[in-house]
Amino acid sequence: MRTDRKGLDPVPEYEIKIQWEGPFSLNEVIQKMIDSGEDPDWDGKDYGLYQIYGRHILHDKNTLLYIGMATEQTFSQRFIEHRTWLLEDQDEDDIRIYLGRIYDPKKHTKKENWKSWKKDMRLAEKILIYKYSPNYNSEGLTTEPDLSPYDSIRLVHLGEKNRLETEDIAPEDFQTW
């Protein structure tokens, strides 16, 4: 428990667990990550966050290039859109993709049309972009994310997270640099 920003009442820390897997090639994601679920719920497993790693002129081959999310389309559909810039800027062998899934059956339900899941996805994406500042993200790099209604959010990274830390705590991690 932490206190709120005014130092008054204890506020529980909000936690989002992200299960990562990878690395995948661009073709693997496009060809295999197609589970969209069934109408009307669309609760398939191929939605979530993703990290793209590759070569960057100022860094090594294993550079975090981009963080994004696929919520209204599957990973496959999202990466078809990314294909052009990835293949223009990278050799296909250099691209490595990590997929992150968020799902807590106590919070995320089709009964509320996945609203809490989408909110958690947006919060996690904003925190990751702001903290890690990927080279090819253009939005969310300079303005600290609004964590409302929470004072503190802990992202717990499970599985194959690659270069992400085991956990990120917002806004605490933002104040260390």
C-alpha atoms as a PDB file:
ATOM      1  CA  MET A   1       0.000   0.000   0.000  1.00  0.00           C
ATOM      2  CA  ARG A   2       1.141   3.484  -0.846  1.00  0.00           C
ATOM      3  CA  THR A   3      -0.353   6.821   0.040  1.00  0.00           C
ATOM      4  CA  ASP A   4      -2.021   8.949  -2.569  1.00  0.00           C
ATOM      5  CA  ARG A   5      -0.053  11.805  -4.154  1.00  0.00           C
ATOM      6  CA  LYS A   6      -1.314  14.228  -1.534  1.00  0.00           C
ATOM      7  CA  GLY A   7       0.025  11.925   1.202  1.00  0.00           C
ATOM      8  CA  LEU A   8      -3.405  11.306   2.684  1.00  0.00           C
ATOM      9  CA  ASP A   9      -5.137   7.970   2.255  1.00  0.00           C
ATOM     10  CA  PRO A  10      -3.490   4.636   1.449  1.00  0.00           C
ATOM     11  CA  VAL A  11      -4.087   3.699  -2.183  1.00  0.00           C
ATOM     12  CA  PRO A  12      -3.559   0.144  -3.388  1.00  0.00           C
ATOM     13  CA  GLU A  13      -1.083  -0.243  -6.186  1.00  0.00           C
ATOM     14  CA  TYR A  14      -2.752  -1.386  -9.395  1.00  0.00           C
ATOM     15  CA  GLU A  15      -1.058  -4.368 -11.006  1.00  0.00           C
ATOM     16  CA  ILE A  16      -1.098  -5.534 -14.610  1.00  0.00           C
ATOM     17  CA  LYS A  17       0.572  -8.844 -15.465  1.00  0.00           C
ATOM     18  CA  ILE A  18       1.863  -9.295 -19.000  1.00  0.00           C
ATOM     19  CA  GLN A  19       2.760 -12.756 -20.292  1.00  0.00           C
ATOM     20  CA  TRP A  20       5.395 -12.367 -23.022  1.00  0.00           C
ATOM     21  CA  GLU A  21       6.477 -14.881 -25.613  1.00  0.00           C
ATOM     22  CA  GLY A  22       8.923 -14.831 -28.487  1.00  0.00           C
ATOM     23  CA  PRO A  23      11.014 -14.119 -30.336  1.00  0.00           C
ATOM     24  CA  PHE A  24       9.002 -14.464 -33.520  1.00  0.00           C
ATOM     25  CA  SER A  25       9.859 -13.488 -37.056  1.00  0.00           C
ATOM     26  CA  LEU A  26       7.642 -11.105 -38.975  1.00  0.00           C
ATOM     27  CA  ASN A  27       6.363 -13.971 -41.151  1.00  0.00           C
ATOM     28  CA  GLU A  28       5.546 -16.139 -38.117  1.00  0.00           C
ATOM     29  CA  VAL A  29       3.403 -13.389 -36.608  1.00  0.00           C
ATOM     30  CA  ILE A  30       1.606 -12.688 -39.894  1.00  0.00           C
ATOM     31  CA  GLN A  31       0.970 -16.359 -40.682  1.00  0.00           C
ATOM     32  CA  LYS A  32       0.224 -17.784 -37.215  1.00  0.00           C
ATOM     33  CA  MET A  33      -1.183 -15.096 -34.896  1.00  0.00           C
ATOM     34  CA  ILE A  34      -4.678 -15.078 -36.395  1.00  0.00           C
ATOM     35  CA  ASP A  35      -6.979 -16.253 -33.557  1.00  0.00           C
ATOM     36  CA  SER A  36      -9.575 -13.475 -33.460  1.00  0.00           C
ATOM     37  CA  GLY A  37     -12.236 -15.415 -31.584  1.00  0.00           C
ATOM     38  CA  GLU A  38     -15.842 -15.638 -32.662  1.00  0.00           C
ATOM     39  CA  ASP A  39     -18.479 -13.002 -33.305  1.00  0.00           C
ATOM     40  CA  PRO A  40     -19.900 -11.296 -31.208  1.00  0.00           C
ATOM     41  CA  ASP A  41     -17.278 -11.573 -28.422  1.00  0.00           C
ATOM     42  CA  TRP A  42     -14.017 -11.615 -30.412  1.00  0.00           C
ATOM     43  CA  ASP A  43     -12.200 -13.078 -27.430  1.00  0.00           C
ATOM     44  CA  GLY A  44      -9.438 -14.845 -29.340  1.00  0.00           C
ATOM     45  CA  LYS A  45      -5.930 -15.118 -27.975  1.00  0.00           C
ATOM     46  CA  ASP A  46      -4.022 -13.129 -30.609  1.00  0.00           C
ATOM     47  CA  TYR A  47      -4.495  -9.642 -29.222  1.00  0.00           C
ATOM     48  CA  GLY A  48      -2.198  -7.715 -26.913  1.00  0.00           C
ATOM     49  CA  LEU A  49       1.023  -5.743 -26.671  1.00  0.00           C
ATOM     50  CA  TYR A  50       4.113  -6.212 -28.771  1.00  0.00           C
ATOM     51  CA  GLN A  51       7.757  -5.226 -28.886  1.00  0.00           C
ATOM     52  CA  ILE A  52       9.745  -5.036 -32.111  1.00  0.00           C
ATOM     53  CA  TYR A  53      13.524  -5.388 -31.972  1.00  0.00           C
ATOM     54  CA  GLY A  54      15.975  -4.884 -34.787  1.00  0.00           C
ATOM     55  CA  ARG A  55      18.997  -3.006 -36.015  1.00  0.00           C
ATOM     56  CA  HIS A  56      19.327   0.732 -35.379  1.00  0.00           C
ATOM     57  CA  ILE A  57      22.046   3.033 -36.700  1.00  0.00           C
ATOM     58  CA  LEU A  58      22.940   4.280 -33.195  1.00  0.00           C
ATOM     59  CA  HIS A  59      22.653   0.933 -31.415  1.00  0.00           C
ATOM     60  CA  ASP A  60      23.224  -2.776 -31.847  1.00  0.00           C
ATOM     61  CA  LYS A  61      21.064  -5.393 -33.576  1.00  0.00           C
ATOM     62  CA  ASN A  62      18.969  -6.081 -30.473  1.00  0.00           C
ATOM     63  CA  THR A  63      17.513  -2.562 -30.179  1.00  0.00           C
ATOM     64  CA  LEU A  64      13.967  -1.935 -29.024  1.00  0.00           C
ATOM     65  CA  LEU A  65      12.490  -0.179 -32.047  1.00  0.00           C
ATOM     66  CA  TYR A  66       8.771  -0.034 -31.326  1.00  0.00           C
ATOM     67  CA  ILE A  67       6.120  -0.867 -28.734  1.00  0.00           C
ATOM     68  CA  GLY A  68       2.500  -1.155 -29.798  1.00  0.00           C
ATOM     69  CA  MET A  69      -0.777  -2.901 -29.188  1.00  0.00           C
ATOM     70  CA  ALA A  70      -3.301  -4.872 -31.175  1.00  0.00           C
ATOM     71  CA  THR A  71      -6.763  -4.569 -29.615  1.00  0.00           C
ATOM     72  CA  GLU A  72      -9.164  -4.100 -32.513  1.00  0.00           C
ATOM     73  CA  GLN A  73      -7.253  -6.436 -34.810  1.00  0.00           C
ATOM     74  CA  THR A  74      -5.130  -9.541 -34.353  1.00  0.00           C
ATOM     75  CA  PHE A  75      -1.355  -9.464 -34.170  1.00  0.00           C
ATOM     76  CA  SER A  76      -1.335 -10.809 -37.732  1.00  0.00           C
ATOM     77  CA  GLN A  77      -3.515  -7.992 -39.042  1.00  0.00           C
ATOM     78  CA  ARG A  78      -1.451  -5.370 -37.197  1.00  0.00           C
ATOM     79  CA  PHE A  79       1.860  -6.682 -38.516  1.00  0.00           C
ATOM     80  CA  ILE A  80       0.609  -6.739 -42.100  1.00  0.00           C
ATOM     81  CA  GLU A  81       0.367  -2.955 -41.624  1.00  0.00           C
ATOM     82  CA  HIS A  82       3.915  -2.829 -40.181  1.00  0.00           C
ATOM     83  CA  ARG A  83       5.425  -5.005 -42.920  1.00  0.00           C
ATOM     84  CA  THR A  84       6.326  -2.170 -45.296  1.00  0.00           C
ATOM     85  CA  TRP A  85       8.351  -0.026 -42.887  1.00  0.00           C
ATOM     86  CA  LEU A  86       9.936  -3.031 -41.218  1.00  0.00           C
ATOM     87  CA  LEU A  87      11.202  -4.490 -44.463  1.00  0.00           C
ATOM     88  CA  GLU A  88      12.350  -1.097 -45.750  1.00  0.00           C
ATOM     89  CA  ASP A  89      14.342  -0.343 -42.582  1.00  0.00           C
ATOM     90  CA  GLN A  90      15.474  -3.839 -41.587  1.00  0.00           C
ATOM     91  CA  ASP A  91      16.752  -7.103 -42.958  1.00  0.00           C
ATOM     92  CA  GLU A  92      14.047  -9.622 -42.201  1.00  0.00           C
ATOM     93  CA  ASP A  93      16.569 -11.763 -40.284  1.00  0.00           C
ATOM     94  CA  ASP A  94      17.226  -8.860 -37.894  1.00  0.00           C
ATOM     95  CA  ILE A  95      13.568  -8.415 -36.865  1.00  0.00           C
ATOM     96  CA  ARG A  96      12.509 -10.095 -33.635  1.00  0.00           C
ATOM     97  CA  ILE A  97       9.030  -9.685 -32.230  1.00  0.00           C
ATOM     98  CA  TYR A  98       7.793 -10.370 -28.699  1.00  0.00           C
ATOM     99  CA  LEU A  99       4.062 -10.648 -28.021  1.00  0.00           C
ATOM    100  CA  GLY A 100       2.512  -9.810 -24.665  1.00  0.00           C
ATOM    101  CA  ARG A 101      -0.894 -10.914 -23.511  1.00  0.00           C
ATOM    102  CA  ILE A 102      -2.866  -9.447 -20.644  1.00  0.00           C
ATOM    103  CA  TYR A 103      -5.773 -11.361 -19.209  1.00  0.00           C
ATOM    104  CA  ASP A 104      -7.154 -11.492 -15.674  1.00  0.00           C
ATOM    105  CA  PRO A 105     -10.488 -13.368 -15.508  1.00  0.00           C
ATOM    106  CA  LYS A 106     -11.408 -11.439 -12.333  1.00  0.00           C
ATOM    107  CA  LYS A 107     -11.166  -8.085 -14.165  1.00  0.00           C
ATOM    108  CA  HIS A 108     -11.502  -8.710 -17.896  1.00  0.00           C
ATOM    109  CA  THR A 109     -14.837 -10.031 -19.111  1.00  0.00           C
ATOM    110  CA  LYS A 110     -16.943 -10.026 -22.223  1.00  0.00           C
ATOM    111  CA  LYS A 111     -19.867  -9.031 -19.964  1.00  0.00           C
ATOM    112  CA  GLU A 112     -18.477  -5.476 -19.826  1.00  0.00           C
ATOM    113  CA  ASN A 113     -17.381  -5.687 -23.478  1.00  0.00           C
ATOM    114  CA  TRP A 114     -13.703  -5.976 -22.497  1.00  0.00           C
ATOM    115  CA  LYS A 115     -13.568  -2.310 -21.346  1.00  0.00           C
ATOM    116  CA  SER A 116     -11.242  -3.010 -18.404  1.00  0.00           C
ATOM    117  CA  TRP A 117      -8.981  -5.107 -20.660  1.00  0.00           C
ATOM    118  CA  LYS A 118      -8.720  -2.271 -23.196  1.00  0.00           C
ATOM    119  CA  LYS A 119      -8.012   0.205 -20.384  1.00  0.00           C
ATOM    120  CA  ASP A 120      -5.235  -2.028 -19.019  1.00  0.00           C
ATOM    121  CA  MET A 121      -3.782  -2.413 -22.508  1.00  0.00           C
ATOM    122  CA  ARG A 122      -3.691   1.360 -23.063  1.00  0.00           C
ATOM    123  CA  LEU A 123      -2.131   2.012 -19.646  1.00  0.00           C
ATOM    124  CA  ALA A 124       0.539  -0.655 -20.125  1.00  0.00           C
ATOM    125  CA  GLU A 125       1.416   0.580 -23.631  1.00  0.00           C
ATOM    126  CA  LYS A 126       1.706   4.202 -22.470  1.00  0.00           C
ATOM    127  CA  ILE A 127       3.903   3.278 -19.497  1.00  0.00           C
ATOM    128  CA  LEU A 128       6.201   1.115 -21.626  1.00  0.00           C
ATOM    129  CA  ILE A 129       6.595   3.737 -24.363  1.00  0.00           C
ATOM    130  CA  TYR A 130       7.299   6.522 -21.888  1.00  0.00           C
ATOM    131  CA  LYS A 131       9.796   4.503 -19.851  1.00  0.00           C
ATOM    132  CA  TYR A 132      11.694   2.718 -22.643  1.00  0.00           C
ATOM    133  CA  SER A 133      11.405   5.393 -25.397  1.00  0.00           C
ATOM    134  CA  PRO A 134      11.614   3.051 -28.404  1.00  0.00           C
ATOM    135  CA  ASN A 135      13.370   4.585 -31.405  1.00  0.00           C
ATOM    136  CA  TYR A 136      10.419   4.400 -33.830  1.00  0.00           C
ATOM    137  CA  ASN A 137       7.559   5.382 -31.517  1.00  0.00           C
ATOM    138  CA  SER A 138       6.616   9.004 -32.108  1.00  0.00           C
ATOM    139  CA  GLU A 139       3.834   9.549 -29.566  1.00  0.00           C
ATOM    140  CA  GLY A 140       3.929   9.194 -25.797  1.00  0.00           C
ATOM    141  CA  LEU A 141       7.660   9.799 -25.453  1.00  0.00           C
ATOM    142  CA  THR A 142       7.670  13.229 -23.835  1.00  0.00           C
ATOM    143  CA  THR A 143       4.528  13.420 -21.704  1.00  0.00           C
ATOM    144  CA  GLU A 144       4.254  11.331 -18.565  1.00  0.00           C
ATOM    145  CA  PRO A 145       1.214   9.032 -18.877  1.00  0.00           C
ATOM    146  CA  ASP A 146      -1.933   9.859 -16.941  1.00  0.00           C
ATOM    147  CA  LEU A 147      -2.375   6.975 -14.515  1.00  0.00           C
ATOM    148  CA  SER A 148      -5.811   8.084 -13.290  1.00  0.00           C
ATOM    149  CA  PRO A 149      -7.539   6.893 -11.245  1.00  0.00           C
ATOM    150  CA  TYR A 150      -4.461   5.139  -9.825  1.00  0.00           C
ATOM    151  CA  ASP A 151      -1.500   6.661  -8.051  1.00  0.00           C
ATOM    152  CA  SER A 152       0.794   3.786  -8.913  1.00  0.00           C
ATOM    153  CA  ILE A 153       0.760   1.007 -11.489  1.00  0.00           C
ATOM    154  CA  ARG A 154       3.028  -2.021 -11.449  1.00  0.00           C
ATOM    155  CA  LEU A 155       3.610  -3.881 -14.700  1.00  0.00           C
ATOM    156  CA  VAL A 156       4.827  -7.415 -14.064  1.00  0.00           C
ATOM    157  CA  HIS A 157       6.564  -9.000 -17.048  1.00  0.00           C
ATOM    158  CA  LEU A 158       6.393 -12.790 -17.213  1.00  0.00           C
ATOM    159  CA  GLY A 159       7.888 -15.136 -19.788  1.00  0.00           C
ATOM    160  CA  GLU A 160      10.133 -14.039 -22.653  1.00  0.00           C
ATOM    161  CA  LYS A 161      10.233 -10.277 -22.074  1.00  0.00           C
ATOM    162  CA  ASN A 162      13.608  -9.757 -23.808  1.00  0.00           C
ATOM    163  CA  ARG A 163      15.172  -6.442 -22.683  1.00  0.00           C
ATOM    164  CA  LEU A 164      12.321  -5.197 -20.490  1.00  0.00           C
ATOM    165  CA  GLU A 165      12.900  -5.183 -16.747  1.00  0.00           C
ATOM    166  CA  THR A 166      11.060  -7.784 -14.672  1.00  0.00           C
ATOM    167  CA  GLU A 167       8.697  -5.086 -13.472  1.00  0.00           C
ATOM    168  CA  ASP A 168       7.995  -1.447 -14.143  1.00  0.00           C
ATOM    169  CA  ILE A 169       6.464   0.821 -11.516  1.00  0.00           C
ATOM    170  CA  ALA A 170       4.844   4.030 -12.677  1.00  0.00           C
ATOM    171  CA  PRO A 171       5.395   6.806 -11.810  1.00  0.00           C
ATOM    172  CA  GLU A 172       8.241   5.735  -9.504  1.00  0.00           C
ATOM    173  CA  ASP A 173      10.451   4.548 -12.377  1.00  0.00           C
ATOM    174  CA  PHE A 174       9.928   7.829 -14.231  1.00  0.00           C
ATOM    175  CA  GLN A 175      11.418   9.849 -11.381  1.00  0.00           C
ATOM    176  CA  THR A 176      14.722   7.962 -11.316  1.00  0.00           C
ATOM    177  CA  TRP A 177      16.142   9.601 -14.401  1.00  0.00           C
END
